[in-house]
PDB file of N, CA and C in Angstrom:
ATOM      1  N   UNK A   1    -188.298 -53.979-180.508  1.00  0.00           N
ATOM      2  CA  UNK A   1    -187.823 -54.576-181.876  1.00  0.00           C
ATOM      3  C   UNK A   1    -188.843 -55.575-182.280  1.00  0.00           C
ATOM      4  N   UNK A   2    -189.310 -55.472-183.647  1.00  0.00           N
ATOM      5  CA  UNK A   2    -190.191 -56.711-183.858  1.00  0.00           C
ATOM      6  C   UNK A   2    -188.893 -57.581-184.715  1.00  0.00           C
ATOM      7  N   UNK A   3    -189.589 -58.410-185.102  1.00  0.00           N
ATOM      8  CA  UNK A   3    -188.887 -59.560-185.968  1.00  0.00           C
ATOM      9  C   UNK A   3    -189.041 -58.926-187.590  1.00  0.00           C
ATOM     10  N   UNK A   4    -188.087 -59.503-188.496  1.00  0.00           N
ATOM     11  CA  UNK A   4    -188.171 -59.125-189.701  1.00  0.00           C
ATOM     12  C   UNK A   4    -187.812 -60.110-190.892  1.00  0.00           C
ATOM     13  N   UNK A   5    -187.930 -60.131-191.813  1.00  0.00           N
ATOM     14  CA  UNK A   5    -187.566 -61.042-193.163  1.00  0.00           C
ATOM     15  C   UNK A   5    -186.678 -60.164-193.628  1.00  0.00           C
ATOM     16  N   UNK A   6    -185.540 -61.185-193.845  1.00  0.00           N
ATOM     17  CA  UNK A   6    -184.390 -60.492-194.751  1.00  0.00           C
ATOM     18  C   UNK A   6    -184.296 -61.164-195.983  1.00  0.00           C
ATOM     19  N   UNK A   7    -184.048 -60.394-196.803  1.00  0.00           N
ATOM     20  CA  UNK A   7    -183.738 -61.223-198.192  1.00  0.00           C
ATOM     21  C   UNK A   7    -182.356 -61.027-198.659  1.00  0.00           C
ATOM     22  N   UNK A   8    -181.817 -61.927-199.036  1.00  0.00           N
ATOM     23  CA  UNK A   8    -180.054 -61.973-199.339  1.00  0.00           C
ATOM     24  C   UNK A   8    -180.142 -62.468-200.756  1.00  0.00           C
ATOM     25  N   UNK A   9    -179.389 -62.015-201.821  1.00  0.00           N
ATOM     26  CA  UNK A   9    -179.237 -62.866-202.991  1.00  0.00           C
ATOM     27  C   UNK A   9    -177.460 -63.280-202.910  1.00  0.00           C
ATOM     28  N   UNK A  10    -177.780 -64.986-203.124  1.00  0.00           N
ATOM     29  CA  UNK A  10    -176.199 -65.612-202.647  1.00  0.00           C
ATOM     30  C   UNK A  10    -175.234 -65.593-203.890  1.00  0.00           C
ATOM     31  N   UNK A  11    -174.124 -65.943-203.728  1.00  0.00           N
ATOM     32  CA  UNK A  11    -173.179 -66.129-204.720  1.00  0.00           C
ATOM     33  C   UNK A  11    -173.537 -66.982-205.899  1.00  0.00           C
ATOM     34  N   UNK A  12    -174.491 -67.942-205.823  1.00  0.00           N
ATOM     35  CA  UNK A  12    -175.092 -68.586-206.982  1.00  0.00           C
ATOM     36  C   UNK A  12    -176.232 -67.625-207.941  1.00  0.00           C
ATOM     37  N   UNK A  13    -176.595 -66.488-207.294  1.00  0.00           N
ATOM     38  CA  UNK A  13    -177.634 -65.858-207.845  1.00  0.00           C
ATOM     39  C   UNK A  13    -179.166 -65.877-207.534  1.00  0.00           C
ATOM     40  N   UNK A  14    -179.096 -66.995-206.605  1.00  0.00           N
ATOM     41  CA  UNK A  14    -180.510 -67.260-206.023  1.00  0.00           C
ATOM     42  C   UNK A  14    -180.865 -66.418-204.804  1.00  0.00           C
ATOM     43  N   UNK A  15    -181.896 -66.472-204.212  1.00  0.00           N
ATOM     44  CA  UNK A  15    -182.647 -65.678-203.291  1.00  0.00           C
ATOM     45  C   UNK A  15    -182.801 -66.732-202.301  1.00  0.00           C
ATOM     46  N   UNK A  16    -182.341 -66.025-200.846  1.00  0.00           N
ATOM     47  CA  UNK A  16    -183.162 -66.691-199.730  1.00  0.00           C
ATOM     48  C   UNK A  16    -183.399 -65.539-198.660  1.00  0.00           C
ATOM     49  N   UNK A  17    -184.322 -66.111-197.772  1.00  0.00           N
ATOM     50  CA  UNK A  17    -184.557 -65.036-196.869  1.00  0.00           C
ATOM     51  C   UNK A  17    -184.880 -65.897-195.476  1.00  0.00           C
ATOM     52  N   UNK A  18    -184.461 -64.938-194.702  1.00  0.00           N
ATOM     53  CA  UNK A  18    -184.272 -65.622-192.928  1.00  0.00           C
ATOM     54  C   UNK A  18    -185.173 -64.722-192.283  1.00  0.00           C
ATOM     55  N   UNK A  19    -186.081 -65.421-191.560  1.00  0.00           N
ATOM     56  CA  UNK A  19    -187.026 -64.605-190.764  1.00  0.00           C
ATOM     57  C   UNK A  19    -186.117 -64.645-189.330  1.00  0.00           C
ATOM     58  N   UNK A  20    -185.773 -63.390-188.849  1.00  0.00           N
ATOM     59  CA  UNK A  20    -185.557 -63.070-187.617  1.00  0.00           C
ATOM     60  C   UNK A  20    -186.418 -62.423-186.229  1.00  0.00           C
ATOM     61  N   UNK A  21    -185.579 -63.160-185.296  1.00  0.00           N
ATOM     62  CA  UNK A  21    -186.682 -62.742-184.122  1.00  0.00           C
ATOM     63  C   UNK A  21    -186.225 -61.528-183.732  1.00  0.00           C
ATOM     64  N   UNK A  22    -186.769 -60.660-182.776  1.00  0.00           N
ATOM     65  CA  UNK A  22    -186.618 -59.706-182.312  1.00  0.00           C
ATOM     66  C   UNK A  22    -185.240 -59.109-181.707  1.00  0.00           C
ATOM     67  N   UNK A  23    -184.737 -60.630-181.486  1.00  0.00           N
ATOM     68  CA  UNK A  23    -183.212 -60.219-180.690  1.00  0.00           C
ATOM     69  C   UNK A  23    -182.397 -60.423-181.684  1.00  0.00           C
ATOM     70  N   UNK A  24    -182.721 -60.682-183.140  1.00  0.00           N
ATOM     71  CA  UNK A  24    -181.715 -60.913-184.229  1.00  0.00           C
ATOM     72  C   UNK A  24    -181.466 -62.363-184.367  1.00  0.00           C
ATOM     73  N   UNK A  25    -181.811 -63.166-183.629  1.00  0.00           N
ATOM     74  CA  UNK A  25    -181.920 -64.833-184.006  1.00  0.00           C
ATOM     75  C   UNK A  25    -182.610 -65.178-185.444  1.00  0.00           C
ATOM     76  N   UNK A  26    -182.151 -65.651-186.245  1.00  0.00           N
ATOM     77  CA  UNK A  26    -182.493 -66.382-187.207  1.00  0.00           C
ATOM     78  C   UNK A  26    -183.304 -67.613-186.705  1.00  0.00           C
ATOM     79  N   UNK A  27    -184.829 -67.567-186.944  1.00  0.00           N
ATOM     80  CA  UNK A  27    -185.456 -68.694-186.379  1.00  0.00           C
ATOM     81  C   UNK A  27    -185.964 -69.372-187.451  1.00  0.00           C
ATOM     82  N   UNK A  28    -186.018 -68.936-188.745  1.00  0.00           N
ATOM     83  CA  UNK A  28    -186.431 -69.858-190.137  1.00  0.00           C
ATOM     84  C   UNK A  28    -185.808 -69.304-191.278  1.00  0.00           C
ATOM     85  N   UNK A  29    -185.115 -70.339-192.141  1.00  0.00           N
ATOM     86  CA  UNK A  29    -184.423 -69.822-193.331  1.00  0.00           C
ATOM     87  C   UNK A  29    -185.043 -70.783-194.098  1.00  0.00           C
ATOM     88  N   UNK A  30    -185.223 -70.234-195.584  1.00  0.00           N
ATOM     89  CA  UNK A  30    -186.091 -70.416-196.998  1.00  0.00           C
ATOM     90  C   UNK A  30    -184.970 -71.302-197.427  1.00  0.00           C
ATOM     91  N   UNK A  31    -185.924 -71.873-198.499  1.00  0.00           N
ATOM     92  CA  UNK A  31    -185.316 -72.492-199.637  1.00  0.00           C
ATOM     93  C   UNK A  31    -184.824 -71.224-200.571  1.00  0.00           C
ATOM     94  N   UNK A  32    -183.999 -71.907-201.861  1.00  0.00           N
ATOM     95  CA  UNK A  32    -183.596 -71.048-202.607  1.00  0.00           C
ATOM     96  C   UNK A  32    -184.506 -70.807-203.627  1.00  0.00           C
ATOM     97  N   UNK A  33    -184.665 -69.393-203.826  1.00  0.00           N
ATOM     98  CA  UNK A  33    -185.612 -68.747-205.156  1.00  0.00           C
ATOM     99  C   UNK A  33    -184.739 -68.382-206.260  1.00  0.00           C
ATOM    100  N   UNK A  34    -185.350 -68.682-207.330  1.00  0.00           N
ATOM    101  CA  UNK A  34    -184.680 -67.817-208.705  1.00  0.00           C
ATOM    102  C   UNK A  34    -184.656 -66.383-208.732  1.00  0.00           C
ATOM    103  N   UNK A  35    -185.809 -65.648-208.281  1.00  0.00           N
ATOM    104  CA  UNK A  35    -185.857 -64.308-208.097  1.00  0.00           C
ATOM    105  C   UNK A  35    -186.510 -63.868-206.718  1.00  0.00           C
ATOM    106  N   UNK A  36    -186.071 -62.551-206.759  1.00  0.00           N
ATOM    107  CA  UNK A  36    -186.364 -61.532-205.385  1.00  0.00           C
ATOM    108  C   UNK A  36    -187.991 -61.934-205.086  1.00  0.00           C
ATOM    109  N   UNK A  37    -188.549 -61.952-206.446  1.00  0.00           N
ATOM    110  CA  UNK A  37    -190.013 -61.878-206.555  1.00  0.00           C
ATOM    111  C   UNK A  37    -190.443 -63.053-205.864  1.00  0.00           C
ATOM    112  N   UNK A  38    -190.265 -64.228-206.504  1.00  0.00           N
ATOM    113  CA  UNK A  38    -190.475 -65.748-205.875  1.00  0.00           C
ATOM    114  C   UNK A  38    -189.835 -65.501-204.463  1.00  0.00           C
ATOM    115  N   UNK A  39    -189.052 -65.163-203.915  1.00  0.00           N
ATOM    116  CA  UNK A  39    -188.537 -65.159-202.150  1.00  0.00           C
ATOM    117  C   UNK A  39    -189.678 -64.316-201.606  1.00  0.00           C
ATOM    118  N   UNK A  40    -190.290 -63.230-202.080  1.00  0.00           N
ATOM    119  CA  UNK A  40    -191.528 -62.174-201.560  1.00  0.00           C
ATOM    120  C   UNK A  40    -192.541 -63.209-201.434  1.00  0.00           C
ATOM    121  N   UNK A  41    -192.811 -64.006-202.581  1.00  0.00           N
ATOM    122  CA  UNK A  41    -193.753 -65.106-202.591  1.00  0.00           C
ATOM    123  C   UNK A  41    -193.864 -65.998-201.443  1.00  0.00           C
ATOM    124  N   UNK A  42    -192.607 -66.279-201.035  1.00  0.00           N
ATOM    125  CA  UNK A  42    -192.232 -67.292-200.092  1.00  0.00           C
ATOM    126  C   UNK A  42    -192.711 -66.851-198.855  1.00  0.00           C
ATOM    127  N   UNK A  43    -192.214 -65.715-198.740  1.00  0.00           N
ATOM    128  CA  UNK A  43    -192.438 -64.833-197.474  1.00  0.00           C
ATOM    129  C   UNK A  43    -194.011 -64.483-196.951  1.00  0.00           C
ATOM    130  N   UNK A  44    -194.692 -64.574-197.942  1.00  0.00           N
ATOM    131  CA  UNK A  44    -196.179 -64.323-197.941  1.00  0.00           C
ATOM    132  C   UNK A  44    -196.778 -65.443-197.406  1.00  0.00           C
ATOM    133  N   UNK A  45    -196.105 -66.652-198.103  1.00  0.00           N
ATOM    134  CA  UNK A  45    -196.897 -68.016-197.674  1.00  0.00           C
ATOM    135  C   UNK A  45    -196.426 -68.405-196.247  1.00  0.00           C
ATOM    136  N   UNK A  46    -195.239 -67.757-195.740  1.00  0.00           N
ATOM    137  CA  UNK A  46    -194.941 -68.139-194.382  1.00  0.00           C
ATOM    138  C   UNK A  46    -195.898 -67.427-193.424  1.00  0.00           C
ATOM    139  N   UNK A  47    -196.136 -65.935-193.955  1.00  0.00           N
ATOM    140  CA  UNK A  47    -197.012 -65.614-193.273  1.00  0.00           C
ATOM    141  C   UNK A  47    -198.414 -65.715-193.046  1.00  0.00           C
ATOM    142  N   UNK A  48    -198.708 -66.575-194.063  1.00  0.00           N
ATOM    143  CA  UNK A  48    -200.116 -67.233-194.311  1.00  0.00           C
ATOM    144  C   UNK A  48    -200.330 -68.541-193.132  1.00  0.00           C
ATOM    145  N   UNK A  49    -199.126 -69.185-193.330  1.00  0.00           N
ATOM    146  CA  UNK A  49    -198.874 -70.799-193.012  1.00  0.00           C
ATOM    147  C   UNK A  49    -198.463 -70.667-191.161  1.00  0.00           C
ATOM    148  N   UNK A  50    -197.602 -69.618-191.039  1.00  0.00           N
ATOM    149  CA  UNK A  50    -197.120 -69.778-189.626  1.00  0.00           C
ATOM    150  C   UNK A  50    -198.074 -69.714-188.386  1.00  0.00           C
ATOM    151  N   UNK A  51    -199.409 -69.389-188.694  1.00  0.00           N
ATOM    152  CA  UNK A  51    -199.840 -69.482-187.444  1.00  0.00           C
ATOM    153  C   UNK A  51    -200.881 -70.809-187.152  1.00  0.00           C
ATOM    154  N   UNK A  52    -200.455 -71.703-188.172  1.00  0.00           N
ATOM    155  CA  UNK A  52    -201.363 -72.942-188.196  1.00  0.00           C
ATOM    156  C   UNK A  52    -200.445 -74.355-187.869  1.00  0.00           C
ATOM    157  N   UNK A  53    -200.538 -74.526-186.436  1.00  0.00           N
ATOM    158  CA  UNK A  53    -199.423 -75.581-186.024  1.00  0.00           C
ATOM    159  C   UNK A  53    -199.271 -76.668-186.759  1.00  0.00           C
ATOM    160  N   UNK A  54    -200.409 -77.099-187.733  1.00  0.00           N
ATOM    161  CA  UNK A  54    -200.156 -78.463-188.184  1.00  0.00           C
ATOM    162  C   UNK A  54    -199.439 -78.099-189.402  1.00  0.00           C
ATOM    163  N   UNK A  55    -198.844 -77.138-190.018  1.00  0.00           N
ATOM    164  CA  UNK A  55    -197.963 -76.731-191.099  1.00  0.00           C
ATOM    165  C   UNK A  55    -196.385 -77.014-190.472  1.00  0.00           C
ATOM    166  N   UNK A  56    -196.224 -77.250-189.455  1.00  0.00           N
ATOM    167  CA  UNK A  56    -194.925 -77.431-188.863  1.00  0.00           C
ATOM    168  C   UNK A  56    -194.588 -78.717-188.827  1.00  0.00           C
ATOM    169  N   UNK A  57    -193.704 -79.426-189.562  1.00  0.00           N
ATOM    170  CA  UNK A  57    -193.352 -80.773-189.458  1.00  0.00           C
ATOM    171  C   UNK A  57    -191.894 -80.844-188.379  1.00  0.00           C
ATOM    172  N   UNK A  58    -192.305 -81.717-187.574  1.00  0.00           N
ATOM    173  CA  UNK A  58    -191.178 -81.799-186.653  1.00  0.00           C
ATOM    174  C   UNK A  58    -190.249 -83.108-187.057  1.00  0.00           C
ATOM    175  N   UNK A  59    -188.935 -82.776-186.903  1.00  0.00           N
ATOM    176  CA  UNK A  59    -188.088 -83.509-187.419  1.00  0.00           C
ATOM    177  C   UNK A  59    -186.794 -83.856-186.727  1.00  0.00           C
ATOM    178  N   UNK A  60    -186.360 -85.433-186.399  1.00  0.00           N
ATOM    179  CA  UNK A  60    -184.977 -85.640-185.886  1.00  0.00           C
ATOM    180  C   UNK A  60    -183.798 -86.037-186.704  1.00  0.00           C
ATOM    181  N   UNK A  61    -182.949 -85.133-186.834  1.00  0.00           N
ATOM    182  CA  UNK A  61    -181.721 -85.462-187.554  1.00  0.00           C
ATOM    183  C   UNK A  61    -181.187 -86.727-186.988  1.00  0.00           C
ATOM    184  N   UNK A  62    -179.808 -87.082-187.978  1.00  0.00           N
ATOM    185  CA  UNK A  62    -179.337 -88.566-187.420  1.00  0.00           C
ATOM    186  C   UNK A  62    -178.299 -88.283-186.097  1.00  0.00           C
ATOM    187  N   UNK A  63    -177.860 -87.320-186.029  1.00  0.00           N
ATOM    188  CA  UNK A  63    -177.225 -87.247-184.654  1.00  0.00           C
ATOM    189  C   UNK A  63    -178.204 -86.761-183.635  1.00  0.00           C
ATOM    190  N   UNK A  64    -179.318 -87.022-183.761  1.00  0.00           N
ATOM    191  CA  UNK A  64    -180.370 -86.589-182.457  1.00  0.00           C
ATOM    192  C   UNK A  64    -181.224 -85.460-182.147  1.00  0.00           C
ATOM    193  N   UNK A  65    -180.545 -84.600-183.227  1.00  0.00           N
ATOM    194  CA  UNK A  65    -180.869 -82.946-182.947  1.00  0.00           C
ATOM    195  C   UNK A  65    -182.263 -83.072-183.693  1.00  0.00           C
ATOM    196  N   UNK A  66    -182.977 -81.754-183.211  1.00  0.00           N
ATOM    197  CA  UNK A  66    -184.095 -81.563-183.664  1.00  0.00           C
ATOM    198  C   UNK A  66    -184.271 -80.390-184.393  1.00  0.00           C
ATOM    199  N   UNK A  67    -185.608 -80.305-185.335  1.00  0.00           N
ATOM    200  CA  UNK A  67    -185.516 -79.142-186.119  1.00  0.00           C
ATOM    201  C   UNK A  67    -186.863 -79.095-186.450  1.00  0.00           C
ATOM    202  N   UNK A  68    -187.440 -78.051-187.568  1.00  0.00           N
ATOM    203  CA  UNK A  68    -188.900 -78.116-188.131  1.00  0.00           C
ATOM    204  C   UNK A  68    -188.689 -77.696-189.372  1.00  0.00           C
ATOM    205  N   UNK A  69    -189.686 -77.990-190.333  1.00  0.00           N
ATOM    206  CA  UNK A  69    -190.097 -77.527-191.512  1.00  0.00           C
ATOM    207  C   UNK A  69    -191.456 -76.830-191.612  1.00  0.00           C
ATOM    208  N   UNK A  70    -191.363 -75.548-192.242  1.00  0.00           N
ATOM    209  CA  UNK A  70    -192.570 -75.216-192.236  1.00  0.00           C
ATOM    210  C   UNK A  70    -193.147 -75.585-193.665  1.00  0.00           C
ATOM    211  N   UNK A  71    -194.438 -75.818-193.817  1.00  0.00           N
ATOM    212  CA  UNK A  71    -194.786 -76.307-195.402  1.00  0.00           C
ATOM    213  C   UNK A  71    -196.077 -75.456-195.220  1.00  0.00           C
ATOM    214  N   UNK A  72    -196.045 -75.409-196.788  1.00  0.00           N
ATOM    215  CA  UNK A  72    -197.248 -74.504-197.348  1.00  0.00           C
ATOM    216  C   UNK A  72    -198.479 -75.463-197.350  1.00  0.00           C
ATOM    217  N   UNK A  73    -199.694 -74.922-197.897  1.00  0.00           N
ATOM    218  CA  UNK A  73    -201.186 -75.857-197.887  1.00  0.00           C
ATOM    219  C   UNK A  73    -200.860 -76.858-198.487  1.00  0.00           C
ATOM    220  N   UNK A  74    -199.964 -76.507-199.517  1.00  0.00           N
ATOM    221  CA  UNK A  74    -199.901 -77.370-200.944  1.00  0.00           C
ATOM    222  C   UNK A  74    -198.683 -78.760-200.603  1.00  0.00           C
ATOM    223  N   UNK A  75    -197.992 -78.820-198.933  1.00  0.00           N
ATOM    224  CA  UNK A  75    -197.143 -79.538-198.756  1.00  0.00           C
ATOM    225  C   UNK A  75    -195.728 -79.391-199.107  1.00  0.00           C
ATOM    226  N   UNK A  76    -195.588 -78.482-199.633  1.00  0.00           N
ATOM    227  CA  UNK A  76    -194.156 -77.865-199.905  1.00  0.00           C
ATOM    228  C   UNK A  76    -193.839 -77.112-199.019  1.00  0.00           C
ATOM    229  N   UNK A  77    -192.201 -77.301-198.961  1.00  0.00           N
ATOM    230  CA  UNK A  77    -191.661 -76.844-197.976  1.00  0.00           C
ATOM    231  C   UNK A  77    -191.476 -75.422-198.178  1.00  0.00           C
ATOM    232  N   UNK A  78    -191.508 -74.687-197.136  1.00  0.00           N
ATOM    233  CA  UNK A  78    -191.094 -73.088-197.372  1.00  0.00           C
ATOM    234  C   UNK A  78    -189.678 -72.749-196.703  1.00  0.00           C
ATOM    235  N   UNK A  79    -189.548 -73.367-195.531  1.00  0.00           N
ATOM    236  CA  UNK A  79    -188.291 -73.023-194.821  1.00  0.00           C
ATOM    237  C   UNK A  79    -188.258 -74.119-193.672  1.00  0.00           C
ATOM    238  N   UNK A  80    -186.948 -73.705-192.871  1.00  0.00           N
ATOM    239  CA  UNK A  80    -186.522 -74.747-192.160  1.00  0.00           C
ATOM    240  C   UNK A  80    -185.683 -74.206-190.905  1.00  0.00           C
ATOM    241  N   UNK A  81    -185.710 -74.463-189.663  1.00  0.00           N
ATOM    242  CA  UNK A  81    -184.954 -73.921-188.575  1.00  0.00           C
ATOM    243  C   UNK A  81    -183.824 -74.496-188.457  1.00  0.00           C
ATOM    244  N   UNK A  82    -182.999 -73.789-187.616  1.00  0.00           N
ATOM    245  CA  UNK A  82    -182.097 -74.298-187.180  1.00  0.00           C
ATOM    246  C   UNK A  82    -181.811 -75.859-186.530  1.00  0.00           C
ATOM    247  N   UNK A  83    -180.907 -76.463-186.147  1.00  0.00           N
ATOM    248  CA  UNK A  83    -180.745 -77.643-185.185  1.00  0.00           C
ATOM    249  C   UNK A  83    -180.825 -77.200-183.799  1.00  0.00           C
ATOM    250  N   UNK A  84    -181.824 -78.055-183.280  1.00  0.00           N
ATOM    251  CA  UNK A  84    -182.115 -77.589-181.470  1.00  0.00           C
ATOM    252  C   UNK A  84    -181.324 -78.852-180.791  1.00  0.00           C
ATOM    253  N   UNK A  85    -180.974 -78.588-179.499  1.00  0.00           N
ATOM    254  CA  UNK A  85    -180.858 -80.023-178.725  1.00  0.00           C
ATOM    255  C   UNK A  85    -181.725 -80.595-177.881  1.00  0.00           C
ATOM    256  N   UNK A  86    -183.258 -79.761-177.724  1.00  0.00           N
ATOM    257  CA  UNK A  86    -184.034 -80.542-177.098  1.00  0.00           C
ATOM    258  C   UNK A  86    -185.475 -80.136-177.858  1.00  0.00           C
ATOM    259  N   UNK A  87    -186.375 -81.204-177.656  1.00  0.00           N
ATOM    260  CA  UNK A  87    -187.651 -80.706-178.363  1.00  0.00           C
ATOM    261  C   UNK A  87    -188.336 -79.309-177.778  1.00  0.00           C
ATOM    262  N   UNK A  88    -188.274 -79.253-176.432  1.00  0.00           N
ATOM    263  CA  UNK A  88    -188.720 -78.073-176.071  1.00  0.00           C
ATOM    264  C   UNK A  88    -188.226 -76.498-176.260  1.00  0.00           C
ATOM    265  N   UNK A  89    -186.734 -76.723-176.863  1.00  0.00           N
ATOM    266  CA  UNK A  89    -186.284 -75.345-177.607  1.00  0.00           C
ATOM    267  C   UNK A  89    -186.853 -75.774-179.037  1.00  0.00           C
ATOM    268  N   UNK A  90    -186.988 -76.563-179.666  1.00  0.00           N
ATOM    269  CA  UNK A  90    -187.645 -76.679-181.121  1.00  0.00           C
ATOM    270  C   UNK A  90    -188.996 -76.127-180.976  1.00  0.00           C
ATOM    271  N   UNK A  91    -189.839 -76.247-179.965  1.00  0.00           N
ATOM    272  CA  UNK A  91    -191.047 -75.725-179.513  1.00  0.00           C
ATOM    273  C   UNK A  91    -191.329 -74.473-179.613  1.00  0.00           C
ATOM    274  N   UNK A  92    -189.960 -73.955-178.911  1.00  0.00           N
ATOM    275  CA  UNK A  92    -189.890 -72.465-178.440  1.00  0.00           C
ATOM    276  C   UNK A  92    -189.907 -71.758-179.921  1.00  0.00           C
ATOM    277  N   UNK A  93    -189.246 -72.336-180.807  1.00  0.00           N
ATOM    278  CA  UNK A  93    -188.697 -71.878-182.264  1.00  0.00           C
ATOM    279  C   UNK A  93    -190.107 -71.855-183.082  1.00  0.00           C
ATOM    280  N   UNK A  94    -190.832 -73.025-182.852  1.00  0.00           N
ATOM    281  CA  UNK A  94    -192.278 -72.855-183.516  1.00  0.00           C
ATOM    282  C   UNK A  94    -192.965 -71.735-183.124  1.00  0.00           C
ATOM    283  N   UNK A  95    -192.957 -71.541-181.835  1.00  0.00           N
ATOM    284  CA  UNK A  95    -193.896 -70.462-181.294  1.00  0.00           C
ATOM    285  C   UNK A  95    -193.207 -69.210-181.713  1.00  0.00           C
ATOM    286  N   UNK A  96    -192.100 -69.060-181.726  1.00  0.00           N
ATOM    287  CA  UNK A  96    -191.432 -67.867-182.208  1.00  0.00           C
ATOM    288  C   UNK A  96    -191.654 -67.691-183.600  1.00  0.00           C
ATOM    289  N   UNK A  97    -191.647 -68.215-184.360  1.00  0.00           N
ATOM    290  CA  UNK A  97    -192.031 -68.115-185.913  1.00  0.00           C
ATOM    291  C   UNK A  97    -193.746 -67.713-186.025  1.00  0.00           C
ATOM    292  N   UNK A  98    -194.327 -68.526-185.214  1.00  0.00           N
ATOM    293  CA  UNK A  98    -195.980 -68.040-185.267  1.00  0.00           C
ATOM    294  C   UNK A  98    -196.056 -66.553-184.760  1.00  0.00           C
ATOM    295  N   UNK A  99    -195.347 -66.158-183.619  1.00  0.00           N
ATOM    296  CA  UNK A  99    -195.513 -64.875-183.027  1.00  0.00           C
ATOM    297  C   UNK A  99    -194.948 -63.797-184.029  1.00  0.00           C
ATOM    298  N   UNK A 100    -193.882 -64.124-184.586  1.00  0.00           N
ATOM    299  CA  UNK A 100    -193.085 -63.234-185.506  1.00  0.00           C
ATOM    300  C   UNK A 100    -193.367 -62.834-186.965  1.00  0.00           C
ATOM    301  N   UNK A 101    -193.860 -63.921-187.424  1.00  0.00           N
ATOM    302  CA  UNK A 101    -194.061 -64.021-188.957  1.00  0.00           C
ATOM    303  C   UNK A 101    -195.178 -62.720-189.391  1.00  0.00           C
ATOM    304  N   UNK A 102    -196.422 -62.809-188.878  1.00  0.00           N
ATOM    305  CA  UNK A 102    -197.404 -62.101-189.387  1.00  0.00           C
ATOM    306  C   UNK A 102    -196.982 -60.755-189.605  1.00  0.00           C
ATOM    307  N   UNK A 103    -196.649 -60.160-188.665  1.00  0.00           N
ATOM    308  CA  UNK A 103    -196.553 -58.552-189.263  1.00  0.00           C
ATOM    309  C   UNK A 103    -195.058 -58.201-189.314  1.00  0.00           C
ATOM    310  N   UNK A 104    -194.269 -59.173-189.900  1.00  0.00           N
ATOM    311  CA  UNK A 104    -192.598 -58.774-189.780  1.00  0.00           C
ATOM    312  C   UNK A 104    -192.567 -58.181-191.031  1.00  0.00           C
ATOM    313  N   UNK A 105    -191.543 -57.198-190.974  1.00  0.00           N
ATOM    314  CA  UNK A 105    -191.496 -56.279-192.452  1.00  0.00           C
ATOM    315  C   UNK A 105    -190.464 -57.069-193.267  1.00  0.00           C
ATOM    316  N   UNK A 106    -190.355 -56.607-194.289  1.00  0.00           N
ATOM    317  CA  UNK A 106    -189.207 -57.029-195.338  1.00  0.00           C
ATOM    318  C   UNK A 106    -188.142 -56.232-195.508  1.00  0.00           C
ATOM    319  N   UNK A 107    -186.818 -56.717-195.496  1.00  0.00           N
ATOM    320  CA  UNK A 107    -185.609 -55.752-195.525  1.00  0.00           C
ATOM    321  C   UNK A 107    -184.774 -56.507-196.604  1.00  0.00           C
ATOM    322  N   UNK A 108    -183.935 -55.724-197.201  1.00  0.00           N
ATOM    323  CA  UNK A 108    -182.908 -56.297-198.343  1.00  0.00           C
ATOM    324  C   UNK A 108    -181.588 -56.270-197.183  1.00  0.00           C
ATOM    325  N   UNK A 109    -181.378 -57.698-197.106  1.00  0.00           N
ATOM    326  CA  UNK A 109    -179.943 -57.656-196.396  1.00  0.00           C
ATOM    327  C   UNK A 109    -178.712 -57.177-197.138  1.00  0.00           C
ATOM    328  N   UNK A 110    -177.920 -56.181-196.279  1.00  0.00           N
ATOM    329  CA  UNK A 110    -176.322 -56.049-197.280  1.00  0.00           C
ATOM    330  C   UNK A 110    -175.407 -57.002-197.742  1.00  0.00           C
TER     331      UNK A 110
END
């Protein structure tokens, strides 16, 4: 089973997407978008940028957890990861986004 993008409309009426790995784990969560069409454009941006390591900004949270933010070519954030306990786990997450994003189908979440 390949990875996939799931688009979901939240209670506020905004749309978000998650990129899920082949095991179903969420590896990237988007910013909020005003429309489904804008979320789809965000997905297209992930597909374009996920193969470029320099687009991943590695960060450390106040509690010492590490995470990454995927940015578009213009520097705007597209999505971010979960919190990881180790840098090695975070790097595996970066690699997973790069591996799954390019050909992942887009589905609407129930």
